[in-house]
N, C-alpha and C. Protein backbone atom coordinates (compact mmCIF):
# COMPACT_ATOMS: atom_id res chain seq x y z
N UNK A 1 0.74 -1.10 -0.14
CA UNK A 1 -0.06 0.06 0.02
C UNK A 1 0.96 1.24 -0.06
N UNK A 2 0.63 2.18 -0.84
CA UNK A 2 1.36 3.40 -0.99
C UNK A 2 0.42 4.49 -0.37
N UNK A 3 1.05 5.29 0.58
CA UNK A 3 0.48 6.35 1.33
C UNK A 3 1.06 7.65 1.06
N UNK A 4 0.46 8.74 0.38
CA UNK A 4 1.11 9.95 0.03
C UNK A 4 0.17 11.06 0.58
N UNK A 5 0.81 12.31 0.87
CA UNK A 5 0.04 13.47 1.13
C UNK A 5 -0.32 14.18 -0.11
N UNK A 6 -1.29 15.12 -0.07
CA UNK A 6 -1.69 15.60 -1.20
C UNK A 6 -0.60 16.44 -2.04
N UNK A 7 0.44 17.15 -1.33
CA UNK A 7 1.57 17.76 -2.02
C UNK A 7 2.29 16.69 -2.81
N UNK A 8 2.57 15.67 -2.17
CA UNK A 8 3.45 14.61 -2.84
C UNK A 8 2.53 14.00 -4.01
N UNK A 9 1.36 13.95 -3.73
CA UNK A 9 0.48 13.33 -4.85
C UNK A 9 0.54 14.29 -6.15
N UNK A 10 0.41 15.52 -5.87
CA UNK A 10 0.52 16.42 -7.05
C UNK A 10 1.82 16.44 -7.78
N UNK A 11 2.86 16.16 -6.90
CA UNK A 11 4.25 16.30 -7.57
C UNK A 11 4.57 14.92 -8.23
N UNK A 12 3.94 13.83 -7.87
CA UNK A 12 4.23 12.41 -8.26
C UNK A 12 2.97 11.69 -8.86
N UNK A 13 2.10 12.42 -9.32
CA UNK A 13 0.75 11.84 -9.92
C UNK A 13 1.01 10.80 -10.82
N UNK A 14 1.84 10.89 -11.74
CA UNK A 14 2.09 9.72 -12.91
C UNK A 14 2.65 8.54 -12.18
N UNK A 15 3.39 8.54 -11.19
CA UNK A 15 4.01 7.35 -10.45
C UNK A 15 2.99 6.82 -9.82
N UNK A 16 1.99 7.64 -8.95
CA UNK A 16 1.01 6.99 -8.19
C UNK A 16 0.04 6.23 -9.05
N UNK A 17 -0.27 6.85 -10.26
CA UNK A 17 -1.38 6.38 -11.25
C UNK A 17 -0.73 5.01 -11.67
N UNK A 18 0.53 4.84 -11.97
CA UNK A 18 1.18 3.64 -12.44
C UNK A 18 1.09 2.55 -11.38
N UNK A 19 1.35 2.95 -10.09
CA UNK A 19 1.30 1.95 -8.96
C UNK A 19 -0.17 1.51 -8.83
N UNK A 20 -1.30 2.30 -8.90
CA UNK A 20 -2.63 1.97 -8.76
C UNK A 20 -2.98 1.03 -10.13
N UNK A 21 -2.43 1.35 -11.32
CA UNK A 21 -2.68 0.58 -12.41
C UNK A 21 -1.99 -0.70 -12.35
N UNK A 22 -1.03 -0.89 -11.68
CA UNK A 22 -0.49 -2.22 -11.46
C UNK A 22 -0.93 -2.92 -10.26
N UNK A 23 -2.11 -2.41 -9.54
CA UNK A 23 -2.76 -3.13 -8.54
C UNK A 23 -2.47 -2.68 -7.25
N UNK A 24 -1.56 -1.82 -7.02
CA UNK A 24 -1.20 -1.43 -5.62
C UNK A 24 -2.24 -0.35 -5.14
N UNK A 25 -2.69 -0.50 -3.85
CA UNK A 25 -3.62 0.54 -3.27
C UNK A 25 -2.77 1.76 -3.01
N UNK A 26 -3.27 2.84 -3.39
CA UNK A 26 -2.70 4.20 -3.27
C UNK A 26 -3.84 5.05 -2.44
N UNK A 27 -3.22 5.44 -1.28
CA UNK A 27 -4.13 6.20 -0.36
C UNK A 27 -3.56 7.63 -0.28
N UNK A 28 -4.20 8.59 -0.71
CA UNK A 28 -3.90 10.03 -0.57
C UNK A 28 -4.50 10.67 0.74
N UNK A 29 -3.58 11.20 1.61
CA UNK A 29 -4.05 11.80 2.87
C UNK A 29 -3.92 13.32 2.82
N UNK A 30 -4.66 13.92 3.72
CA UNK A 30 -4.66 15.38 3.95
C UNK A 30 -4.38 15.58 5.48
N UNK A 31 -3.23 16.25 5.91
CA UNK A 31 -3.05 16.44 7.36
C UNK A 31 -2.98 14.97 7.99
N UNK A 32 -2.53 13.92 7.35
CA UNK A 32 -2.16 12.77 8.01
C UNK A 32 -3.58 11.91 8.06
N UNK A 33 -4.69 12.37 7.51
CA UNK A 33 -6.06 11.69 7.36
C UNK A 33 -6.27 11.22 6.09
N UNK A 34 -6.51 10.04 5.74
CA UNK A 34 -6.88 9.38 4.56
C UNK A 34 -8.17 10.12 3.91
N UNK A 35 -7.93 10.52 2.68
CA UNK A 35 -9.06 11.32 2.05
C UNK A 35 -9.59 10.48 0.75
N UNK A 36 -8.71 9.81 0.00
CA UNK A 36 -9.22 9.16 -1.20
C UNK A 36 -8.40 8.08 -1.51
N UNK A 37 -8.80 6.98 -2.26
CA UNK A 37 -8.01 5.93 -2.67
C UNK A 37 -8.07 5.86 -4.10
N UNK A 38 -6.87 5.63 -4.76
CA UNK A 38 -6.66 5.41 -6.18
C UNK A 38 -6.82 3.91 -6.46
N UNK A 39 -7.65 3.63 -7.46
CA UNK A 39 -7.75 2.26 -7.87
C UNK A 39 -7.83 2.14 -9.39
N UNK A 40 -7.39 1.04 -10.06
CA UNK A 40 -7.33 0.74 -11.48
C UNK A 40 -8.74 0.92 -11.94
N UNK A 41 -8.94 1.61 -12.98
CA UNK A 41 -10.29 1.72 -13.79
C UNK A 41 -10.48 0.36 -14.43
N UNK A 42 -11.73 -0.16 -14.17
CA UNK A 42 -12.20 -1.41 -15.00
C UNK A 42 -13.53 -1.03 -15.76
N UNK A 43 -13.27 -1.33 -17.01
CA UNK A 43 -14.51 -1.15 -17.88
C UNK A 43 -15.80 -1.83 -17.54
N UNK A 44 -16.86 -1.15 -17.44
CA UNK A 44 -18.02 -1.79 -16.95
C UNK A 44 -18.49 -2.63 -18.08
N UNK A 45 -19.32 -3.65 -17.71
CA UNK A 45 -19.89 -4.57 -18.69
C UNK A 45 -20.95 -3.86 -19.44
N UNK A 46 -21.10 -4.20 -20.70
CA UNK A 46 -22.00 -3.52 -21.63
C UNK A 46 -23.63 -3.54 -20.89
N UNK A 47 -24.32 -2.57 -21.22
CA UNK A 47 -25.59 -2.58 -20.62
C UNK A 47 -26.47 -3.71 -21.18
N UNK A 48 -27.33 -4.13 -20.34
CA UNK A 48 -28.22 -5.32 -20.63
C UNK A 48 -29.09 -4.77 -21.73
N UNK A 49 -29.51 -5.74 -22.72
CA UNK A 49 -30.28 -5.43 -23.87
C UNK A 49 -31.58 -6.32 -23.60
N UNK A 50 -32.83 -5.52 -23.45
CA UNK A 50 -33.82 -6.17 -23.09
C UNK A 50 -34.28 -7.20 -24.29
N UNK A 51 -34.71 -8.38 -24.05
CA UNK A 51 -35.15 -9.36 -24.99
C UNK A 51 -34.02 -10.25 -25.63
N UNK A 52 -32.76 -10.05 -25.14
CA UNK A 52 -31.64 -10.67 -25.71
C UNK A 52 -31.78 -12.28 -25.65
N UNK A 53 -32.52 -12.74 -24.56
CA UNK A 53 -32.76 -14.18 -24.32
C UNK A 53 -33.98 -14.68 -24.97
N UNK A 54 -34.65 -13.79 -25.73
CA UNK A 54 -35.92 -14.13 -26.28
C UNK A 54 -35.67 -15.40 -27.28
N UNK A 55 -36.64 -16.42 -27.01
CA UNK A 55 -36.49 -17.56 -27.81
C UNK A 55 -35.26 -18.68 -27.39
N UNK A 56 -34.61 -18.22 -26.48
CA UNK A 56 -33.48 -19.15 -26.05
C UNK A 56 -33.92 -19.70 -24.70
N UNK A 57 -34.81 -19.30 -23.99
CA UNK A 57 -35.22 -19.87 -22.66
C UNK A 57 -36.74 -20.25 -22.73
N UNK A 58 -36.92 -21.50 -22.30
CA UNK A 58 -38.29 -21.87 -22.27
C UNK A 58 -38.66 -22.14 -20.78
N UNK A 59 -39.76 -21.58 -20.42
CA UNK A 59 -40.37 -21.78 -19.04
C UNK A 59 -41.62 -22.65 -18.99
N UNK A 60 -41.50 -23.54 -18.26
CA UNK A 60 -42.70 -24.61 -18.30
C UNK A 60 -43.89 -23.95 -17.81
N UNK A 61 -45.03 -24.24 -18.30
CA UNK A 61 -46.35 -23.67 -18.07
C UNK A 61 -46.58 -23.78 -16.54
N UNK A 62 -46.03 -24.83 -15.77
CA UNK A 62 -46.31 -25.13 -14.38
C UNK A 62 -45.20 -24.78 -13.48
N UNK A 63 -44.24 -24.01 -13.97
CA UNK A 63 -43.00 -23.65 -13.15
C UNK A 63 -43.42 -23.07 -11.80
N UNK A 64 -44.51 -22.36 -11.69
CA UNK A 64 -44.73 -21.66 -10.45
C UNK A 64 -45.85 -22.46 -9.57
N UNK A 65 -46.31 -23.55 -10.08
CA UNK A 65 -47.10 -24.31 -9.24
C UNK A 65 -46.45 -24.76 -8.05
N UNK A 66 -47.05 -24.62 -6.74
CA UNK A 66 -46.55 -25.10 -5.71
C UNK A 66 -47.38 -26.18 -4.99
N UNK A 67 -46.83 -27.20 -4.43
CA UNK A 67 -47.72 -28.32 -3.80
C UNK A 67 -48.04 -27.64 -2.48
N UNK A 68 -49.22 -28.11 -1.93
CA UNK A 68 -49.75 -27.66 -0.65
C UNK A 68 -48.62 -27.78 0.44
N UNK A 69 -47.87 -28.84 0.43
CA UNK A 69 -47.00 -29.31 1.47
C UNK A 69 -45.92 -28.15 1.43
N UNK A 70 -45.37 -27.84 0.35
CA UNK A 70 -44.23 -26.86 0.35
C UNK A 70 -44.71 -25.47 0.59
N UNK A 71 -46.02 -25.20 0.16
CA UNK A 71 -46.47 -23.84 0.53
C UNK A 71 -46.66 -23.73 1.99
N UNK A 72 -47.07 -24.82 2.64
CA UNK A 72 -47.18 -24.89 4.21
C UNK A 72 -45.92 -24.67 4.90
N UNK A 73 -44.82 -25.33 4.35
CA UNK A 73 -43.50 -25.16 4.82
C UNK A 73 -42.98 -23.83 4.80
N UNK A 74 -43.20 -23.09 3.64
CA UNK A 74 -42.85 -21.68 3.50
C UNK A 74 -43.49 -20.67 4.39
N UNK A 75 -44.73 -20.99 4.57
CA UNK A 75 -45.67 -20.19 5.50
C UNK A 75 -45.33 -20.36 6.91
N UNK A 76 -44.63 -21.39 7.28
CA UNK A 76 -44.37 -21.56 8.76
C UNK A 76 -45.33 -22.28 9.45
N UNK A 77 -46.20 -23.01 8.79
CA UNK A 77 -47.40 -23.65 9.62
C UNK A 77 -47.10 -25.01 9.58
N UNK A 78 -47.54 -25.76 10.79
CA UNK A 78 -47.41 -27.25 10.89
C UNK A 78 -48.34 -27.89 9.97
N UNK A 79 -48.24 -29.10 9.58
CA UNK A 79 -49.07 -29.92 8.83
C UNK A 79 -50.46 -30.14 9.54
């Protein structure tokens, strides 16, 4: 872990960015108190596209049918 004060961070920002990019945790402090943490940027996954699974997934007509015994167990009642 690399800890730097704001003045040092301004003077050595490129080096601190390289350390964060390589996976090292970089903490920047002000008056000895941690303020921010530099981390490597990770590209977010693409946004979900509605309907992308259409025609690829089949749900049985009775998939949400529940037997009375299971329903009783989920509701916390005795038989």
